[in-house]
C-alpha atoms as a PDB file:
ATOM      1  CA  MET A   1      -0.188   0.053   0.247  1.00  0.00           C
ATOM      2  CA  ILE A   2       2.690   2.511   0.939  1.00  0.00           C
ATOM      3  CA  THR A   3       4.834   2.839  -2.285  1.00  0.00           C
ATOM      4  CA  ILE A   4       8.208   4.792  -2.020  1.00  0.00           C
ATOM      5  CA  ASN A   5      10.299   5.884  -4.964  1.00  0.00           C
ATOM      6  CA  ASN A   6      13.806   6.916  -4.088  1.00  0.00           C
ATOM      7  CA  LYS A   7      14.457   8.397  -7.934  1.00  0.00           C
ATOM      8  CA  LEU A   8      11.636  10.914  -7.424  1.00  0.00           C
ATOM      9  CA  GLY A   9      12.475  14.665  -6.509  1.00  0.00           C
ATOM     10  CA  ILE A  10       9.109  14.291  -3.467  1.00  0.00           C
ATOM     11  CA  PRO A  11      10.182  14.096   0.086  1.00  0.00           C
ATOM     12  CA  LYS A  12       9.458  10.091   1.187  1.00  0.00           C
ATOM     13  CA  TYR A  13       7.147  11.588   3.924  1.00  0.00           C
ATOM     14  CA  LYS A  14       4.976  13.518   1.186  1.00  0.00           C
ATOM     15  CA  GLN A  15       5.124   9.992  -0.488  1.00  0.00           C
ATOM     16  CA  ILE A  16       3.774   8.318   2.477  1.00  0.00           C
ATOM     17  CA  ILE A  17       0.888  10.659   2.790  1.00  0.00           C
ATOM     18  CA  SER A  18       0.298  10.310  -1.098  1.00  0.00           C
ATOM     19  CA  SER A  19       0.247   6.354  -0.915  1.00  0.00           C
ATOM     20  CA  VAL A  20      -2.410   6.720   2.157  1.00  0.00           C
ATOM     21  CA  GLU A  21      -4.539   9.507   0.001  1.00  0.00           C
ATOM     22  CA  LYS A  22      -4.792   7.044  -3.103  1.00  0.00           C
ATOM     23  CA  ALA A  23      -5.566   3.903  -0.991  1.00  0.00           C
ATOM     24  CA  ILE A  24      -8.257   5.942   0.492  1.00  0.00           C
ATOM     25  CA  LEU A  25      -9.550   7.035  -2.749  1.00  0.00           C
ATOM     26  CA  ALA A  26      -9.325   3.519  -4.235  1.00  0.00           C
ATOM     27  CA  GLY A  27     -11.665   1.938  -1.684  1.00  0.00           C
ATOM     28  CA  HIS A  28      -8.328   0.060  -0.323  1.00  0.00           C
ATOM     29  CA  LEU A  29      -8.729   2.096   2.750  1.00  0.00           C
ATOM     30  CA  LYS A  30     -12.017   2.718   4.557  1.00  0.00           C
ATOM     31  CA  LYS A  31     -12.951   4.704   7.748  1.00  0.00           C
ATOM     32  CA  GLY A  32     -11.882   2.514  10.400  1.00  0.00           C
ATOM     33  CA  SER A  33      -9.333   0.458   8.704  1.00  0.00           C
ATOM     34  CA  GLN A  34      -5.792   0.227  10.348  1.00  0.00           C
ATOM     35  CA  LEU A  35      -2.900   1.352   8.668  1.00  0.00           C
ATOM     36  CA  PRO A  36       0.516   0.106   8.511  1.00  0.00           C
ATOM     37  CA  SER A  37       2.816   0.606  11.689  1.00  0.00           C
ATOM     38  CA  ILE A  38       5.386   2.931  11.849  1.00  0.00           C
ATOM     39  CA  ASN A  39       8.376   0.454  12.532  1.00  0.00           C
ATOM     40  CA  GLY A  40       6.848  -2.032   9.691  1.00  0.00           C
ATOM     41  CA  ILE A  41       6.886   1.418   7.192  1.00  0.00           C
ATOM     42  CA  LYS A  42      10.167   2.100   8.415  1.00  0.00           C
ATOM     43  CA  ASN A  43      11.661  -1.265   8.017  1.00  0.00           C
ATOM     44  CA  THR A  44      10.521  -2.329   4.794  1.00  0.00           C
ATOM     45  CA  HIS A  45      11.314   1.011   2.753  1.00  0.00           C
ATOM     46  CA  LYS A  46      14.333   1.731   4.661  1.00  0.00           C
ATOM     47  CA  LEU A  47      13.181   5.068   6.121  1.00  0.00           C
ATOM     48  CA  SER A  48      14.062   6.978   9.445  1.00  0.00           C
ATOM     49  CA  ARG A  49      10.967   6.547  12.105  1.00  0.00           C
ATOM     50  CA  ASP A  50      11.018  10.630  12.086  1.00  0.00           C
ATOM     51  CA  THR A  51      10.111  10.596   8.415  1.00  0.00           C
ATOM     52  CA  VAL A  52       7.267   8.181   8.775  1.00  0.00           C
ATOM     53  CA  LEU A  53       5.921   9.707  11.847  1.00  0.00           C
ATOM     54  CA  MET A  54       6.121  13.270  10.197  1.00  0.00           C
ATOM     55  CA  ALA A  55       3.785  11.702   7.566  1.00  0.00           C
ATOM     56  CA  PHE A  56       1.379  10.467  10.261  1.00  0.00           C
ATOM     57  CA  ASN A  57       1.258  13.781  12.165  1.00  0.00           C
ATOM     58  CA  GLU A  58       0.433  15.405   9.135  1.00  0.00           C
ATOM     59  CA  LEU A  59      -2.309  13.036   8.234  1.00  0.00           C
ATOM     60  CA  LYS A  60      -3.346  13.340  11.933  1.00  0.00           C
ATOM     61  CA  ASN A  61      -3.501  16.898  11.878  1.00  0.00           C
ATOM     62  CA  ARG A  62      -5.662  16.910   8.843  1.00  0.00           C
ATOM     63  CA  GLY A  63      -8.135  14.592  10.423  1.00  0.00           C
ATOM     64  CA  ILE A  64      -7.688  11.739   8.085  1.00  0.00           C
ATOM     65  CA  ILE A  65      -6.374   9.138  10.922  1.00  0.00           C
ATOM     66  CA  HIS A  66      -6.097   9.212  14.324  1.00  0.00           C
ATOM     67  CA  SER A  67      -4.124   7.081  17.064  1.00  0.00           C
ATOM     68  CA  ILE A  68      -5.185   4.736  20.074  1.00  0.00           C
ATOM     69  CA  VAL A  69      -2.538   4.430  22.111  1.00  0.00           C
ATOM     70  CA  GLY A  70      -0.908   0.626  22.175  1.00  0.00           C
ATOM     71  CA  LYS A  71      -2.855  -0.067  18.932  1.00  0.00           C
ATOM     72  CA  GLY A  72      -1.820   1.944  15.979  1.00  0.00           C
ATOM     73  CA  TYR A  73      -3.255   4.364  13.307  1.00  0.00           C
ATOM     74  CA  TYR A  74      -6.923   4.071  12.005  1.00  0.00           C
ATOM     75  CA  VAL A  75      -8.416   5.782   9.289  1.00  0.00           C
ATOM     76  CA  SER A  76     -11.483   8.472  10.528  1.00  0.00           C
ATOM     77  CA  SER A  77     -12.079  10.533   7.627  1.00  0.00           C
ATOM     78  CA  ILE A  78     -12.293   9.662   3.955  1.00  0.00           C
ATOM     79  CA  ASP A  79     -12.472  13.004   2.863  1.00  0.00           C
ATOM     80  CA  VAL A  80      -8.713  13.491   1.689  1.00  0.00           C
ATOM     81  CA  ASN A  81      -9.304  17.284   0.409  1.00  0.00           C
ATOM     82  CA  ILE A  82      -9.177  18.653   3.953  1.00  0.00           C
ATOM     83  CA  THR A  83      -5.866  20.481   4.160  1.00  0.00           C
ATOM     84  CA  GLN A  84      -5.891  22.094   7.349  1.00  0.00           C
ATOM     85  CA  LYS A  85      -7.844  21.368  10.850  1.00  0.00           C
ATOM     86  CA  VAL A  86      -8.550  24.506  13.136  1.00  0.00           C
ATOM     87  CA  PHE A  87      -9.463  23.936  16.640  1.00  0.00           C
ATOM     88  CA  LEU A  88     -11.634  27.317  17.875  1.00  0.00           C
ATOM     89  CA  LEU A  89     -12.234  27.408  21.729  1.00  0.00           C
ATOM     90  CA  PHE A  90     -14.735  30.096  22.344  1.00  0.00           C
ATOM     91  CA  ASP A  91     -16.110  31.054  25.987  1.00  0.00           C
ATOM     92  CA  GLU A  92     -19.634  30.881  24.938  1.00  0.00           C
ATOM     93  CA  LEU A  93     -21.908  31.214  22.016  1.00  0.00           C
ATOM     94  CA  ASN A  94     -23.844  34.216  21.443  1.00  0.00           C
ATOM     95  CA  ALA A  95     -25.044  36.740  18.499  1.00  0.00           C
ATOM     96  CA  PHE A  96     -22.157  38.508  18.112  1.00  0.00           C
ATOM     97  CA  LYS A  97     -19.621  35.579  18.458  1.00  0.00           C
ATOM     98  CA  GLU A  98     -21.892  33.963  15.933  1.00  0.00           C
ATOM     99  CA  ASP A  99     -20.898  36.995  13.602  1.00  0.00           C
ATOM    100  CA  LEU A 100     -17.497  36.439  14.191  1.00  0.00           C
ATOM    101  CA  TYR A 101     -17.651  32.709  13.512  1.00  0.00           C
ATOM    102  CA  ASN A 102     -19.316  33.134  10.308  1.00  0.00           C
ATOM    103  CA  ALA A 103     -16.879  35.937   9.006  1.00  0.00           C
ATOM    104  CA  PHE A 104     -14.003  33.535  10.164  1.00  0.00           C
ATOM    105  CA  LEU A 105     -15.360  30.552   8.247  1.00  0.00           C
ATOM    106  CA  ALA A 106     -16.200  32.872   5.116  1.00  0.00           C
ATOM    107  CA  HIS A 107     -12.778  33.860   4.877  1.00  0.00           C
ATOM    108  CA  LEU A 108     -10.908  30.960   5.342  1.00  0.00           C
ATOM    109  CA  GLY A 109     -11.805  29.471   2.054  1.00  0.00           C
ATOM    110  CA  GLU A 110     -12.229  25.820   0.920  1.00  0.00           C
ATOM    111  CA  ASN A 111     -10.685  22.638   2.828  1.00  0.00           C
ATOM    112  CA  ILE A 112     -10.332  23.621   6.006  1.00  0.00           C
ATOM    113  CA  GLN A 113     -12.035  22.204   8.666  1.00  0.00           C
ATOM    114  CA  VAL A 114     -12.923  24.323  11.817  1.00  0.00           C
ATOM    115  CA  ASP A 115     -14.192  22.389  14.915  1.00  0.00           C
ATOM    116  CA  ILE A 116     -15.709  24.495  17.417  1.00  0.00           C
ATOM    117  CA  PHE A 117     -15.701  24.047  21.250  1.00  0.00           C
ATOM    118  CA  PHE A 118     -17.086  26.270  24.589  1.00  0.00           C
ATOM    119  CA  HIS A 119     -15.356  26.439  27.762  1.00  0.00           C
ATOM    120  CA  HIS A 120     -17.973  28.051  29.752  1.00  0.00           C
ATOM    121  CA  PHE A 121     -15.717  30.278  31.468  1.00  0.00           C
ATOM    122  CA  ASN A 122     -14.834  26.888  33.561  1.00  0.00           C
ATOM    123  CA  LYS A 123     -10.884  26.422  33.603  1.00  0.00           C
ATOM    124  CA  ASN A 124     -11.234  22.853  34.454  1.00  0.00           C
ATOM    125  CA  ILE A 125     -13.372  22.324  31.100  1.00  0.00           C
ATOM    126  CA  PHE A 126     -10.999  24.546  29.399  1.00  0.00           C
ATOM    127  CA  SER A 127      -7.788  22.653  30.604  1.00  0.00           C
ATOM    128  CA  LYS A 128      -9.637  19.205  29.481  1.00  0.00           C
ATOM    129  CA  LEU A 129     -10.574  20.429  25.994  1.00  0.00           C
ATOM    130  CA  ILE A 130      -6.754  21.645  25.489  1.00  0.00           C
ATOM    131  CA  HIS A 131      -5.238  18.496  26.547  1.00  0.00           C
ATOM    132  CA  ASP A 132      -7.566  16.299  24.642  1.00  0.00           C
ATOM    133  CA  ASN A 133      -7.094  18.116  21.459  1.00  0.00           C
ATOM    134  CA  CYS A 134      -3.289  18.762  21.668  1.00  0.00           C
ATOM    135  CA  GLY A 135      -1.620  17.421  18.614  1.00  0.00           C
ATOM    136  CA  ASP A 136      -4.537  16.959  16.743  1.00  0.00           C
ATOM    137  CA  TYR A 137      -5.203  20.247  14.755  1.00  0.00           C
ATOM    138  CA  ASN A 138      -2.792  22.413  12.409  1.00  0.00           C
ATOM    139  CA  ALA A 139      -4.245  25.482  14.283  1.00  0.00           C
ATOM    140  CA  TYR A 140      -5.434  26.612  17.828  1.00  0.00           C
ATOM    141  CA  VAL A 141      -7.331  29.738  18.317  1.00  0.00           C
ATOM    142  CA  ILE A 142      -8.277  30.218  21.801  1.00  0.00           C
ATOM    143  CA  MET A 143     -10.706  32.725  23.713  1.00  0.00           C
ATOM    144  CA  PRO A 144      -9.515  32.618  27.208  1.00  0.00           C
ATOM    145  CA  ALA A 145     -12.289  34.881  28.595  1.00  0.00           C
ATOM    146  CA  ASN A 146     -11.283  36.035  31.856  1.00  0.00           C
ATOM    147  CA  LEU A 147      -9.588  33.050  33.052  1.00  0.00           C
ATOM    148  CA  ILE A 148      -6.496  33.315  34.642  1.00  0.00           C
ATOM    149  CA  ASN A 149      -2.940  31.666  34.481  1.00  0.00           C
ATOM    150  CA  THR A 150      -4.006  29.837  31.395  1.00  0.00           C
ATOM    151  CA  ALA A 151      -0.537  29.946  30.095  1.00  0.00           C
ATOM    152  CA  SER A 152       0.335  26.670  32.115  1.00  0.00           C
ATOM    153  CA  ILE A 153      -2.407  24.966  30.201  1.00  0.00           C
ATOM    154  CA  ILE A 154      -2.029  26.358  26.507  1.00  0.00           C
ATOM    155  CA  GLU A 155       2.025  25.780  26.672  1.00  0.00           C
ATOM    156  CA  VAL A 156       1.088  21.924  26.052  1.00  0.00           C
ATOM    157  CA  LEU A 157       0.290  23.176  21.939  1.00  0.00           C
ATOM    158  CA  PRO A 158       2.750  24.114  19.521  1.00  0.00           C
ATOM    159  CA  LYS A 159       3.663  27.945  20.182  1.00  0.00           C
ATOM    160  CA  GLU A 160       3.608  28.680  16.281  1.00  0.00           C
ATOM    161  CA  HIS A 161       0.178  27.070  15.999  1.00  0.00           C
ATOM    162  CA  VAL A 162      -1.451  29.250  18.817  1.00  0.00           C
ATOM    163  CA  TYR A 163      -3.556  32.381  18.758  1.00  0.00           C
ATOM    164  CA  ILE A 164      -5.333  34.150  21.200  1.00  0.00           C
ATOM    165  CA  LEU A 165      -8.554  35.884  20.462  1.00  0.00           C
ATOM    166  CA  ASP A 166     -10.539  38.705  22.180  1.00  0.00           C
ATOM    167  CA  GLN A 167      -8.635  39.085  25.331  1.00  0.00           C
ATOM    168  CA  ILE A 168      -5.031  38.927  25.954  1.00  0.00           C
ATOM    169  CA  HIS A 169      -3.485  38.733  29.222  1.00  0.00           C
ATOM    170  CA  ASP A 170      -0.162  39.191  30.572  1.00  0.00           C
ATOM    171  CA  ASP A 171       0.902  35.773  30.598  1.00  0.00           C
ATOM    172  CA  LEU A 172      -0.035  35.084  27.194  1.00  0.00           C
ATOM    173  CA  SER A 173       1.518  38.107  25.536  1.00  0.00           C
ATOM    174  CA  GLN A 174       4.129  35.800  23.579  1.00  0.00           C
ATOM    175  CA  TYR A 175       1.147  34.529  21.294  1.00  0.00           C
ATOM    176  CA  PRO A 176       0.044  36.006  18.347  1.00  0.00           C
ATOM    177  CA  ALA A 177      -3.682  37.521  19.092  1.00  0.00           C
ATOM    178  CA  ILE A 178      -6.487  39.802  17.541  1.00  0.00           C
ATOM    179  CA  TYR A 179      -8.147  41.194  20.615  1.00  0.00           C
ATOM    180  CA  GLN A 180      -9.886  44.235  22.276  1.00  0.00           C
ATOM    181  CA  ASN A 181      -8.478  46.520  24.613  1.00  0.00           C
ATOM    182  CA  PHE A 182     -11.473  46.832  26.897  1.00  0.00           C
ATOM    183  CA  GLU A 183     -10.222  49.634  29.545  1.00  0.00           C
ATOM    184  CA  LYS A 184      -9.350  51.508  26.273  1.00  0.00           C
ATOM    185  CA  SER A 185     -12.209  51.430  24.633  1.00  0.00           C
ATOM    186  CA  VAL A 186     -14.593  52.104  27.599  1.00  0.00           C
ATOM    187  CA  PHE A 187     -13.117  55.180  28.670  1.00  0.00           C
ATOM    188  CA  ASN A 188     -13.162  56.637  25.346  1.00  0.00           C
ATOM    189  CA  SER A 189     -16.157  55.587  24.550  1.00  0.00           C
ATOM    190  CA  LEU A 190     -17.447  57.145  27.551  1.00  0.00           C
ATOM    191  CA  THR A 191     -15.369  60.184  27.117  1.00  0.00           C
ATOM    192  CA  ASN A 192     -16.708  60.435  23.517  1.00  0.00           C
ATOM    193  CA  ALA A 193     -20.437  60.709  24.951  1.00  0.00           C
ATOM    194  CA  HIS A 194     -19.509  62.928  28.290  1.00  0.00           C
ATOM    195  CA  GLN A 195     -21.933  65.665  26.953  1.00  0.00           C
ATOM    196  CA  LEU A 196     -24.820  63.219  26.754  1.00  0.00           C
ATOM    197  CA  ILE A 197     -23.567  61.433  30.086  1.00  0.00           C
ATOM    198  CA  LYS A 198     -23.721  65.140  32.216  1.00  0.00           C
ATOM    199  CA  LYS A 199     -27.269  65.062  32.538  1.00  0.00           C
ATOM    200  CA  TYR A 200     -27.221  61.831  34.681  1.00  0.00           C
ATOM    201  CA  ASN A 201     -26.573  62.074  38.391  1.00  0.00           C
ATOM    202  CA  LYS A 202     -25.067  58.387  38.457  1.00  0.00           C
ATOM    203  CA  LEU A 203     -23.418  55.690  36.275  1.00  0.00           C
ATOM    204  CA  ILE A 204     -23.648  52.252  37.107  1.00  0.00           C
ATOM    205  CA  LEU A 205     -22.012  49.531  35.541  1.00  0.00           C
ATOM    206  CA  ALA A 206     -23.469  45.907  35.695  1.00  0.00           C
ATOM    207  CA  PHE A 207     -20.314  43.955  36.157  1.00  0.00           C
ATOM    208  CA  SER A 208     -19.984  40.105  36.596  1.00  0.00           C
ATOM    209  CA  LYS A 209     -16.252  39.273  37.994  1.00  0.00           C
ATOM    210  CA  ASP A 210     -16.648  35.422  36.363  1.00  0.00           C
ATOM    211  CA  LYS A 211     -17.538  36.469  32.815  1.00  0.00           C
ATOM    212  CA  GLN A 212     -16.628  40.243  32.279  1.00  0.00           C
ATOM    213  CA  PRO A 213     -13.101  41.789  31.261  1.00  0.00           C
ATOM    214  CA  GLN A 214     -11.207  43.522  34.160  1.00  0.00           C
ATOM    215  CA  GLY A 215     -10.320  46.057  31.559  1.00  0.00           C
ATOM    216  CA  MET A 216     -13.839  46.982  31.508  1.00  0.00           C
ATOM    217  CA  LEU A 217     -14.158  47.747  35.081  1.00  0.00           C
ATOM    218  CA  LYS A 218     -10.869  49.822  34.858  1.00  0.00           C
ATOM    219  CA  GLY A 219     -12.029  51.969  32.044  1.00  0.00           C
ATOM    220  CA  PHE A 220     -15.219  52.580  33.711  1.00  0.00           C
ATOM    221  CA  THR A 221     -14.063  53.149  37.199  1.00  0.00           C
ATOM    222  CA  SER A 222     -11.200  55.632  35.639  1.00  0.00           C
ATOM    223  CA  PHE A 223     -13.771  57.667  33.606  1.00  0.00           C
ATOM    224  CA  CYS A 224     -15.940  58.449  36.783  1.00  0.00           C
ATOM    225  CA  LYS A 225     -12.970  59.305  38.951  1.00  0.00           C
ATOM    226  CA  LYS A 226     -11.374  61.577  36.378  1.00  0.00           C
ATOM    227  CA  ASN A 227     -14.744  63.081  35.857  1.00  0.00           C
ATOM    228  CA  SER A 228     -15.986  63.155  39.583  1.00  0.00           C
ATOM    229  CA  ILE A 229     -19.094  61.393  38.767  1.00  0.00           C
ATOM    230  CA  SER A 230     -20.762  59.239  41.067  1.00  0.00           C
ATOM    231  CA  PHE A 231     -20.586  55.574  40.576  1.00  0.00           C
ATOM    232  CA  ASP A 232     -21.465  52.013  41.301  1.00  0.00           C
ATOM    233  CA  VAL A 233     -21.010  48.598  40.314  1.00  0.00           C
ATOM    234  CA  LEU A 234     -23.379  45.584  40.719  1.00  0.00           C
ATOM    235  CA  SER A 235     -23.224  42.190  40.077  1.00  0.00           C
ATOM    236  CA  SER A 236     -26.596  41.528  38.882  1.00  0.00           C
ATOM    237  CA  LEU A 237     -29.519  44.211  37.764  1.00  0.00           C
ATOM    238  CA  GLN A 238     -32.101  41.193  38.858  1.00  0.00           C
ATOM    239  CA  ASN A 239     -35.138  43.130  40.737  1.00  0.00           C
ATOM    240  CA  ARG A 240     -33.402  46.484  40.083  1.00  0.00           C
ATOM    241  CA  ILE A 241     -35.967  49.090  39.404  1.00  0.00           C
ATOM    242  CA  PRO A 242     -34.008  52.133  37.513  1.00  0.00           C
ATOM    243  CA  LYS A 243     -34.063  55.573  39.239  1.00  0.00           C
ATOM    244  CA  LYS A 244     -34.415  59.176  37.607  1.00  0.00           C
ATOM    245  CA  GLY A 245     -30.820  60.481  36.570  1.00  0.00           C
ATOM    246  CA  GLU A 246     -29.340  56.961  36.574  1.00  0.00           C
ATOM    247  CA  LEU A 247     -27.019  55.623  33.405  1.00  0.00           C
ATOM    248  CA  TYR A 248     -26.719  51.795  33.092  1.00  0.00           C
ATOM    249  CA  ILE A 249     -23.522  50.353  31.565  1.00  0.00           C
ATOM    250  CA  ILE A 250     -24.477  46.927  30.618  1.00  0.00           C
ATOM    251  CA  PRO A 251     -22.437  44.485  29.181  1.00  0.00           C
ATOM    252  CA  ASP A 252     -24.450  41.424  29.045  1.00  0.00           C
ATOM    253  CA  ASP A 253     -27.910  40.883  27.747  1.00  0.00           C
ATOM    254  CA  ILE A 254     -29.836  39.189  30.417  1.00  0.00           C
ATOM    255  CA  ASN A 255     -29.210  42.276  32.486  1.00  0.00           C
ATOM    256  CA  LEU A 256     -30.115  44.384  29.774  1.00  0.00           C
ATOM    257  CA  LEU A 257     -33.514  42.861  29.272  1.00  0.00           C
ATOM    258  CA  ARG A 258     -33.877  42.469  33.112  1.00  0.00           C
ATOM    259  CA  ILE A 259     -33.368  46.469  33.640  1.00  0.00           C
ATOM    260  CA  ILE A 260     -35.976  47.347  30.529  1.00  0.00           C
ATOM    261  CA  LYS A 261     -38.450  45.055  31.960  1.00  0.00           C
ATOM    262  CA  GLN A 262     -38.396  46.483  35.192  1.00  0.00           C
ATOM    263  CA  ALA A 263     -38.542  49.982  33.984  1.00  0.00           C
ATOM    264  CA  LYS A 264     -41.796  49.151  31.922  1.00  0.00           C
ATOM    265  CA  SER A 265     -43.310  47.695  35.200  1.00  0.00           C
ATOM    266  CA  GLN A 266     -42.861  50.517  37.102  1.00  0.00           C
ATOM    267  CA  ASN A 267     -43.535  52.916  34.170  1.00  0.00           C
ATOM    268  CA  VAL A 268     -40.296  54.595  34.308  1.00  0.00           C
ATOM    269  CA  SER A 269     -39.252  55.683  30.863  1.00  0.00           C
ATOM    270  CA  LEU A 270     -35.799  55.003  29.035  1.00  0.00           C
ATOM    271  CA  SER A 271     -34.311  58.005  27.804  1.00  0.00           C
ATOM    272  CA  LYS A 272     -36.374  60.404  29.634  1.00  0.00           C
ATOM    273  CA  ASP A 273     -35.839  59.444  33.147  1.00  0.00           C
ATOM    274  CA  PHE A 274     -32.679  56.842  32.740  1.00  0.00           C
ATOM    275  CA  GLY A 275     -30.179  55.834  30.240  1.00  0.00           C
ATOM    276  CA  ILE A 276     -28.520  52.455  28.893  1.00  0.00           C
ATOM    277  CA  ILE A 277     -25.134  51.941  27.176  1.00  0.00           C
ATOM    278  CA  SER A 278     -24.914  48.468  26.271  1.00  0.00           C
ATOM    279  CA  TYR A 279     -21.807  46.522  25.231  1.00  0.00           C
ATOM    280  CA  ASN A 280     -21.520  44.369  21.651  1.00  0.00           C
ATOM    281  CA  ASP A 281     -23.675  45.735  18.844  1.00  0.00           C
ATOM    282  CA  THR A 282     -26.625  43.496  17.536  1.00  0.00           C
ATOM    283  CA  LEU A 283     -29.714  43.951  15.225  1.00  0.00           C
ATOM    284  CA  LEU A 284     -31.894  43.688  18.270  1.00  0.00           C
ATOM    285  CA  LYS A 285     -30.273  46.418  20.008  1.00  0.00           C
ATOM    286  CA  GLU A 286     -30.510  48.482  17.066  1.00  0.00           C
ATOM    287  CA  LEU A 287     -34.324  47.947  16.934  1.00  0.00           C
ATOM    288  CA  VAL A 288     -35.469  47.459  20.594  1.00  0.00           C
ATOM    289  CA  GLU A 289     -36.897  51.029  22.357  1.00  0.00           C
ATOM    290  CA  GLY A 290     -35.979  52.941  19.844  1.00  0.00           C
ATOM    291  CA  GLY A 291     -32.504  51.953  19.422  1.00  0.00           C
ATOM    292  CA  ILE A 292     -29.682  50.884  22.391  1.00  0.00           C
ATOM    293  CA  THR A 293     -26.822  52.834  22.567  1.00  0.00           C
ATOM    294  CA  THR A 294     -23.720  50.246  22.170  1.00  0.00           C
ATOM    295  CA  ILE A 295     -20.173  50.331  22.598  1.00  0.00           C
ATOM    296  CA  SER A 296     -19.211  47.450  20.197  1.00  0.00           C
ATOM    297  CA  THR A 297     -16.211  45.950  18.170  1.00  0.00           C
ATOM    298  CA  ASP A 298     -16.661  45.075  14.752  1.00  0.00           C
ATOM    299  CA  PHE A 299     -16.917  41.034  14.751  1.00  0.00           C
ATOM    300  CA  ASN A 300     -17.055  40.842  11.323  1.00  0.00           C
ATOM    301  CA  LEU A 301     -13.986  42.623  11.082  1.00  0.00           C
ATOM    302  CA  MET A 302     -12.136  40.249  13.952  1.00  0.00           C
ATOM    303  CA  GLY A 303     -13.083  36.975  11.971  1.00  0.00           C
ATOM    304  CA  LYS A 304     -11.740  38.259   8.972  1.00  0.00           C
ATOM    305  CA  ARG A 305      -8.515  39.259   9.960  1.00  0.00           C
ATOM    306  CA  LEU A 306      -8.388  36.053  12.070  1.00  0.00           C
ATOM    307  CA  ALA A 307      -8.765  33.723   9.055  1.00  0.00           C
ATOM    308  CA  GLU A 308      -6.080  36.059   7.212  1.00  0.00           C
ATOM    309  CA  MET A 309      -3.630  35.526  10.280  1.00  0.00           C
ATOM    310  CA  LEU A 310      -3.930  31.829   9.872  1.00  0.00           C
ATOM    311  CA  LEU A 311      -3.822  31.934   6.133  1.00  0.00           C
ATOM    312  CA  ASN A 312      -0.464  34.078   6.007  1.00  0.00           C
ATOM    313  CA  LYS A 313       0.858  32.368   9.354  1.00  0.00           C
ATOM    314  CA  ASP A 314       0.916  36.136  10.443  1.00  0.00           C
ATOM    315  CA  LEU A 315       2.353  36.314  14.159  1.00  0.00           C
ATOM    316  CA  SER A 316       1.055  39.699  15.177  1.00  0.00           C
ATOM    317  CA  LYS A 317      -0.850  41.127  17.767  1.00  0.00           C
ATOM    318  CA  ILE A 318      -3.771  43.137  16.184  1.00  0.00           C
ATOM    319  CA  GLU A 319      -6.130  45.175  18.470  1.00  0.00           C
ATOM    320  CA  ASN A 320      -9.781  45.253  16.997  1.00  0.00           C
ATOM    321  CA  PRO A 321     -11.247  48.690  16.786  1.00  0.00           C
ATOM    322  CA  THR A 322     -14.123  49.406  18.915  1.00  0.00           C
ATOM    323  CA  LYS A 323     -16.770  52.094  18.153  1.00  0.00           C
ATOM    324  CA  LEU A 324     -19.484  53.885  20.030  1.00  0.00           C
ATOM    325  CA  ILE A 325     -23.054  53.837  18.561  1.00  0.00           C
ATOM    326  CA  ILE A 326     -25.322  56.597  20.168  1.00  0.00           C
ATOM    327  CA  ARG A 327     -29.206  55.482  19.741  1.00  0.00           C
ATOM    328  CA  ASN A 328     -32.129  56.555  21.795  1.00  0.00           C
ATOM    329  CA  SER A 329     -31.127  54.946  25.070  1.00  0.00           C
ATOM    330  CA  LEU A 330     -28.535  57.736  25.536  1.00  0.00           C
END
């Protein structure tokens, strides 16, 4: 099944790959079929073990074969057109991350398989997903969210194939990344809206330390202190009734819906009596209550840039731009 021609100017590991692909296309190898052993190929064709292992690792990274410890290598996919496999680890899926994901897929092109996973802000799940998939992909795109000290987990992956997405912590600074600068974006956006914000007596940030970036809290408190504005930070807006003169900065959609619902039940008018600035723009926020003001990065651009980084093997750190979109709620 494996044929090697020493007279060809083709690297021997590529000839092994080609032999496996041809055997699959010809139907000699089917899904679940066992491949000859590394030592068997090495001895038969007088090759180094590293040459055979290089071929098997490339086939494994493309998802065509997989290994079972103590047993050998088996065919896991007969789609030999897959050239790359990408491991994509999100914290959670929501409307704006779906935009990012779709833009990423659209700009990757054909023959690249993307497998998406979610850690749900749980460090144990994060660690298990990293370790379980180590060595199985050509590229690893990781959204650590606000999980701390993840460098010791990620270091098991080949450094040159790791990309950090959305938040980049100090211990991950050695990796290429496309990220948001939450501290700067919150501070600058509030500063740009200062003339509208001055009419409010108090600013309230709905902030969950388990899910929200610390930079968001720093940018908010820096703005309030610099401008001598009264402020408060609440972990939840559940059962919170908005009062006249309050401005809420709300990063998550659950608390946004809660405060709008409470306002309606108490006949408190958004924009007239109190204000809202939300985070991450969606079509719903453009339409609800005459429009919700948002601070938002461009997730379509982030997905496009991420795809370009992988395709071009770009190891840069790129800060994705953020803008303030002023609507009726402010």
